[in-house]
Structures are given as C-alpha cells and as structure tokens.
Amino acid sequence: MPHEFDDAIAHRDLGGGRYAARVHDGWDIRGNANGGYLAALVGHAMRAASGRRDPVAIALTFLAPAGPGEVEILTTVVKRGRTYATVAAEMHGGGREILRALGTFGEAPESPESAWLSAVPPQLEDFEVSPRRAPGSEGFPMPLMERVVVRIHPEDVGFVKREPTGTALVRGWFAFRDGREVDTMSLLLACDVFPPTVFNLPGASGWVPTIQLTTYVRGVPAPGPLRCTFRSHAVQGGTFEEDGEVWDSRGVLVAQSRQLALSPNRSASS
C-alpha cells in the first residue's frame, strides 16, 4: 500500500516533458501548500525527466501560493551529462504560475565520507521521548503536522509558550507519521517542515512565505528518523535567511538547505 507522501507527489507523464500532478490537501499550513512539499512534488517530476535516481541540488523560486488542486509541471532537460542531468521546470495551477525550479540530478552517494566537516549533528533526546510538534501548536492550522512527526529540542520551543529564546535556532527530529522510510526525495520535504527559526526572536510570529528555497542532497539517508538543525543569522529589510543541516541515523550529513523568506511582521502587512 503506497504511503501518503508517495501519493502526494505522484504525477502522470503527458509526454513532451509535461507532467500532470495534484497538490494534495493536508500538506499545508494555513491553507498554503508547504514549500518543502512543493519542492518534492516538482522535484519528483524533474527527476523523471532527468532519468537519474536522485536530486542532487534543486532551487525553487516561489511565485504564488498553492492550494489543493490540479497542476501541470513543464520540464526542460537543459543538459544530460555523464554524471549529472540539469532540468528546469515550471509549475502551473489555478490559472497562474506557482513556481520555477532548476535542479541537478544524478546519484547521491550511499555512504558519503567527509574529507572535511566542521558541522556536527545536534544533540537530542531519543526520538521516542522528545516532545512532538502538535498540529496547531503555534496558534494556527497546520494539517502538515498530521502527515509527519516533528520533535523539537526542549530548549527551542520557547515560542510555543510565547517565551521566545532570543536565538534564531530550531533543532529536532523528522519522520513520517505512517512509517515511510526516508529517502533522497523526502529530504526536500524535511528541509522545510520545522517552525521558522525567527519564531524564537521577540515579536516574530505569523505566516512566513518562502521566496526562494535551495536544497543540496549530500547522501542517501540510512533508515530511521532524521536529526535537523536550522538557524538564521540576519533579519533585515523585511526578510531573513534560514540555513538547514539534516543528519541521518548514522550521524551522516545527508542534506543542507538555505531559504530566503519574508519576516513574519513584513508578511502580515503585505
């Protein structure tokens, strides 16, 4: 029986680089489809067009919010090399263009070895005893949290109690609620399901629309939940950046991400 995530990113090949897909209900926050979910949805079609196994790097620019409904994904293979294939894509739905993407596809290493690495996995309580991010815990609807399990470091949940820590940092676990194992495609989702780091800064809460999201897949994750760290360094000019690191059950760095988003106060007034 297919898992929910696989159903939610499924597509139908229409030929000529065109794919029919659907933005599924329940993968949203406040009625807007999650950016990581849209990355996986468009990335799944782009991977099919590339003929390669894994996303290696994918960058999305979001042009409009997406609600549930049918979409069409238009892909163009820019280059098909011996190691990597580069694919451009557009996603259209509801009479407008939702996003544009450019991705590199190939084969992510199964057991990546680090020649140099300064980052370290976050120190977390065991997955089973870590506190879970519950649907609606931030004070607004989060159907996405019915599909995934996000368990946040106890030191990083101050914003839930309206007591932000003052540090733009969120660490925690990620897994699928229905038991689906993680793979390279699900890394695209994992990089955008945690609460925004700026929620832990005073006066920052509300909708945080992503402007641009880039994800690097550094390796094929081993089975088991993922450990994640997200941090920001600058809130400036109405936007902030958020950098992510995703580690598998072996303690191997399997994904990195960076996104630029509107700060909550700016988005509330937009």
Protein backbone atom coordinates (compact mmCIF):
# COMPACT_ATOMS: atom_id res chain seq x y z
CA MET A 1 0.00 0.00 0.00
CA PRO A 2 1.51 3.35 -1.03
CA HIS A 3 2.45 5.78 1.69
CA GLU A 4 0.82 9.20 1.90
CA PHE A 5 3.92 11.05 0.72
CA ASP A 6 4.26 8.89 -2.38
CA ASP A 7 0.62 9.51 -3.30
CA ALA A 8 1.03 13.23 -2.65
CA ILE A 9 3.98 13.64 -5.06
CA ALA A 10 2.70 11.29 -7.77
CA HIS A 11 2.48 12.53 -11.36
CA ARG A 12 1.29 11.35 -14.76
CA ASP A 13 3.56 11.66 -17.79
CA LEU A 14 1.78 13.62 -20.55
CA GLY A 15 4.72 13.43 -22.94
CA GLY A 16 6.97 16.16 -24.26
CA GLY A 17 8.33 16.98 -20.80
CA ARG A 18 4.85 17.71 -19.39
CA TYR A 19 3.52 16.08 -16.23
CA ALA A 20 0.08 16.22 -14.61
CA ALA A 21 0.06 16.22 -10.81
CA ARG A 22 -2.04 17.34 -7.89
CA VAL A 23 -1.31 19.49 -4.87
CA HIS A 24 -2.90 17.31 -2.22
CA ASP A 25 -4.90 18.60 0.70
CA GLY A 26 -3.27 18.11 4.09
CA TRP A 27 0.29 19.10 3.15
CA ASP A 28 -0.28 22.73 4.02
CA ILE A 29 -0.02 25.31 6.76
CA ARG A 30 -2.86 27.81 6.93
CA GLY A 31 -4.21 26.52 3.61
CA ASN A 32 -0.99 27.15 1.67
CA ALA A 33 0.98 24.11 0.49
CA ASN A 34 4.28 23.73 2.34
CA GLY A 35 7.32 24.80 0.31
CA GLY A 36 9.22 21.59 1.01
CA TYR A 37 6.25 19.55 -0.16
CA LEU A 38 6.09 21.58 -3.39
CA ALA A 39 9.85 21.03 -3.81
CA ALA A 40 9.28 17.28 -3.59
CA LEU A 41 6.27 17.42 -5.93
CA VAL A 42 8.06 19.32 -8.69
CA GLY A 43 11.34 17.53 -7.94
CA HIS A 44 9.70 14.15 -8.46
CA ALA A 45 8.62 15.14 -11.99
CA MET A 46 12.02 16.71 -12.70
CA ARG A 47 13.74 13.51 -11.59
CA ALA A 48 11.60 11.52 -14.01
CA ALA A 49 12.54 13.90 -16.83
CA SER A 50 16.23 13.63 -15.92
CA GLY A 51 16.30 9.83 -16.00
CA ARG A 52 18.54 9.88 -12.91
CA ARG A 53 17.99 8.40 -9.46
CA ASP A 54 18.36 11.29 -7.04
CA PRO A 55 18.00 15.04 -6.73
CA VAL A 56 21.46 16.49 -6.03
CA ALA A 57 20.64 20.19 -5.90
CA ILE A 58 17.33 21.92 -6.51
CA ALA A 59 16.49 25.62 -6.29
CA LEU A 60 12.91 26.91 -6.28
CA THR A 61 11.59 30.44 -6.65
CA PHE A 62 8.01 30.71 -5.41
CA LEU A 63 5.73 32.96 -7.45
CA ALA A 64 2.30 32.34 -5.89
CA PRO A 65 0.78 30.37 -3.01
CA ALA A 66 -0.60 26.94 -3.91
CA GLY A 67 -3.80 25.43 -2.56
CA PRO A 68 -5.16 21.94 -3.25
CA GLY A 69 -5.85 21.25 -6.91
CA GLU A 70 -4.56 20.02 -10.24
CA VAL A 71 -1.23 21.36 -11.52
CA GLU A 72 0.85 20.91 -14.64
CA ILE A 73 4.63 20.69 -14.46
CA LEU A 74 6.57 21.68 -17.57
CA THR A 75 10.14 20.37 -17.67
CA THR A 76 13.10 21.03 -19.94
CA VAL A 77 16.27 18.97 -19.83
CA VAL A 78 18.93 21.66 -20.07
CA LYS A 79 21.86 19.23 -20.19
CA ARG A 80 22.28 15.50 -19.87
CA GLY A 81 25.90 14.76 -18.94
CA ARG A 82 27.68 11.57 -17.95
CA THR A 83 27.38 12.28 -14.23
CA TYR A 84 24.57 14.79 -13.85
CA ALA A 85 21.49 15.97 -15.71
CA THR A 86 20.19 19.52 -15.33
CA VAL A 87 16.44 20.13 -15.55
CA ALA A 88 14.39 23.35 -15.50
CA ALA A 89 10.72 23.29 -14.54
CA GLU A 90 7.61 25.42 -14.14
CA MET A 91 4.55 24.51 -12.09
CA HIS A 92 1.20 25.96 -13.16
CA GLY A 93 -2.18 25.65 -11.46
CA GLY A 94 -5.33 27.66 -10.91
CA GLY A 95 -4.60 29.84 -13.91
CA ARG A 96 -1.22 31.07 -12.66
CA GLU A 97 2.41 30.04 -12.38
CA ILE A 98 3.19 28.77 -8.88
CA LEU A 99 6.95 28.31 -9.03
CA ARG A 100 10.02 27.86 -11.16
CA ALA A 101 12.79 25.41 -10.42
CA LEU A 102 16.24 24.44 -11.61
CA GLY A 103 17.71 21.15 -10.49
CA THR A 104 20.69 18.86 -10.87
CA PHE A 105 20.07 15.11 -10.74
CA GLY A 106 22.42 12.15 -10.51
CA GLU A 107 23.27 9.53 -7.90
CA ALA A 108 23.81 10.69 -4.34
CA PRO A 109 26.49 8.66 -2.53
CA GLU A 110 25.18 5.76 -0.46
CA SER A 111 27.86 6.09 2.22
CA PRO A 112 29.37 9.58 1.87
CA GLU A 113 32.72 10.10 3.54
CA SER A 114 33.64 13.60 4.67
CA ALA A 115 37.08 14.91 3.69
CA TRP A 116 36.40 17.92 5.95
CA LEU A 117 33.39 18.80 8.06
CA SER A 118 33.02 21.48 10.74
CA ALA A 119 29.30 20.92 11.39
CA VAL A 120 28.13 18.33 13.91
CA PRO A 121 24.74 16.64 14.42
CA PRO A 122 22.52 18.23 17.07
CA GLN A 123 22.49 16.55 20.46
CA LEU A 124 18.88 15.44 21.01
CA GLU A 125 16.95 13.28 23.39
CA ASP A 126 15.93 9.91 21.96
CA PHE A 127 13.31 10.25 19.25
CA GLU A 128 10.61 8.44 21.21
CA VAL A 129 10.81 10.74 24.25
CA SER A 130 11.36 14.08 22.51
CA PRO A 131 8.35 16.47 22.57
CA ARG A 132 6.29 16.43 19.38
CA ARG A 133 5.27 19.49 17.37
CA ALA A 134 1.50 19.17 17.60
CA PRO A 135 -0.91 20.45 14.91
CA GLY A 136 -1.93 24.00 15.78
CA SER A 137 0.70 24.42 18.49
CA GLU A 138 1.68 27.79 17.02
CA GLY A 139 -1.91 29.02 17.16
CA PHE A 140 -2.98 28.39 13.54
CA PRO A 141 -3.97 25.36 11.40
CA MET A 142 -1.11 23.03 10.41
CA PRO A 143 -2.55 19.98 8.60
CA LEU A 144 1.00 19.09 7.51
CA MET A 145 1.75 18.02 11.08
CA GLU A 146 -0.83 15.22 10.68
CA ARG A 147 1.42 13.70 7.99
CA VAL A 148 4.85 13.99 9.60
CA VAL A 149 6.37 13.72 13.06
CA VAL A 150 8.48 16.70 14.11
CA ARG A 151 10.00 16.52 17.60
CA ILE A 152 11.73 19.72 18.70
CA HIS A 153 14.58 20.15 21.16
CA PRO A 154 13.07 21.27 24.50
CA GLU A 155 15.38 24.30 24.56
CA ASP A 156 13.98 25.53 21.21
CA VAL A 157 10.23 25.53 21.91
CA GLY A 158 10.01 28.80 23.83
CA PHE A 159 7.93 30.39 21.06
CA VAL A 160 5.11 27.90 21.71
CA LYS A 161 4.73 29.32 25.23
CA ARG A 162 5.18 32.88 23.90
CA GLU A 163 8.58 32.92 25.55
CA PRO A 164 11.00 33.08 22.59
CA THR A 165 14.55 32.07 23.39
CA GLY A 166 16.11 35.07 21.66
CA THR A 167 18.21 32.79 19.44
CA ALA A 168 17.07 32.01 15.88
CA LEU A 169 17.71 28.28 16.25
CA VAL A 170 15.46 25.21 15.96
CA ARG A 171 16.69 21.62 16.30
CA GLY A 172 14.80 18.36 16.26
CA TRP A 173 13.77 15.05 14.71
CA PHE A 174 11.86 14.38 11.49
CA ALA A 175 10.00 11.22 10.42
CA PHE A 176 6.84 10.24 8.53
CA ARG A 177 3.81 9.53 10.68
CA ASP A 178 2.79 6.48 8.60
CA GLY A 179 6.19 4.84 8.95
CA ARG A 180 7.52 5.58 5.45
CA GLU A 181 11.31 5.40 5.42
CA VAL A 182 13.26 8.49 4.43
CA ASP A 183 14.95 8.73 1.03
CA THR A 184 16.54 11.45 -1.06
CA MET A 185 13.18 12.79 -2.27
CA SER A 186 11.85 13.14 1.27
CA LEU A 187 14.91 15.21 2.20
CA LEU A 188 13.38 18.00 0.11
CA LEU A 189 10.38 17.97 2.43
CA ALA A 190 12.38 17.62 5.66
CA CYS A 191 14.25 20.83 4.91
CA ASP A 192 11.08 22.94 5.24
CA VAL A 193 8.77 21.39 7.84
CA PHE A 194 10.21 22.82 11.05
CA PRO A 195 8.89 26.06 12.57
CA PRO A 196 10.73 29.13 11.28
CA THR A 197 13.80 29.94 13.35
CA VAL A 198 12.69 33.56 13.72
CA PHE A 199 9.75 32.43 15.87
CA ASN A 200 12.32 32.28 18.66
CA LEU A 201 13.02 36.01 18.28
CA PRO A 202 10.87 38.50 20.22
CA GLY A 203 7.80 39.75 18.37
CA ALA A 204 8.14 37.35 15.41
CA SER A 205 5.10 35.18 14.68
CA GLY A 206 2.65 34.62 11.83
CA TRP A 207 2.80 33.48 8.24
CA VAL A 208 6.33 33.23 6.81
CA PRO A 209 6.16 32.95 2.99
CA THR A 210 9.26 31.48 1.36
CA ILE A 211 10.72 33.50 -1.51
CA GLN A 212 13.46 31.07 -2.55
CA LEU A 213 14.46 27.61 -1.31
CA THR A 214 17.58 25.68 -2.26
CA THR A 215 18.34 22.14 -1.09
CA TYR A 216 21.53 20.12 -1.53
CA VAL A 217 21.30 16.34 -1.16
CA ARG A 218 24.67 15.16 0.15
CA GLY A 219 23.92 11.46 0.54
CA VAL A 220 21.31 8.70 0.63
CA PRO A 221 19.89 8.63 4.18
CA ALA A 222 20.00 5.45 6.22
CA PRO A 223 16.68 4.17 7.62
CA GLY A 224 15.40 5.91 10.72
CA PRO A 225 14.39 9.42 11.76
CA LEU A 226 16.44 12.43 10.70
CA ARG A 227 18.14 14.91 13.02
CA CYS A 228 17.85 18.50 11.84
CA THR A 229 19.30 21.89 12.72
CA PHE A 230 18.04 25.20 11.37
CA ARG A 231 19.47 28.63 12.19
CA SER A 232 19.30 32.21 10.95
CA HIS A 233 21.91 34.96 11.12
CA ALA A 234 20.16 38.06 9.80
CA VAL A 235 16.67 39.55 9.78
CA GLN A 236 16.99 42.59 7.55
CA GLY A 237 14.90 44.58 5.11
CA GLY A 238 11.79 42.53 5.80
CA THR A 239 13.42 39.17 5.02
CA PHE A 240 15.53 36.55 6.77
CA GLU A 241 17.66 33.61 5.69
CA GLU A 242 17.46 30.14 7.21
CA ASP A 243 20.20 27.54 6.88
CA GLY A 244 19.49 23.86 7.48
CA GLU A 245 21.50 20.69 8.11
CA VAL A 246 19.95 17.22 8.03
CA TRP A 247 21.67 14.17 9.52
CA ASP A 248 20.62 10.54 9.21
CA SER A 249 20.57 7.78 11.84
CA ARG A 250 24.29 7.10 11.24
CA GLY A 251 25.16 10.71 12.05
CA VAL A 252 25.94 11.39 8.37
CA LEU A 253 25.17 14.78 6.86
CA VAL A 254 22.68 13.95 4.08
CA ALA A 255 21.20 17.35 3.18
CA GLN A 256 21.74 21.07 3.52
CA SER A 257 19.36 23.89 2.70
CA ARG A 258 19.07 27.64 2.54
CA GLN A 259 15.95 29.69 2.11
CA LEU A 260 15.05 33.35 1.96
CA ALA A 261 11.65 34.23 3.42
CA LEU A 262 9.59 37.24 4.35
CA SER A 263 9.82 38.04 8.03
CA PRO A 264 6.50 37.44 9.86
CA ASN A 265 5.78 41.11 10.55
CA ARG A 266 6.51 42.04 6.94
CA SER A 267 4.34 39.22 5.53
CA ALA A 268 1.45 40.12 7.83
CA SER A 269 1.36 43.61 6.35
CA SER A 270 1.89 42.54 2.71
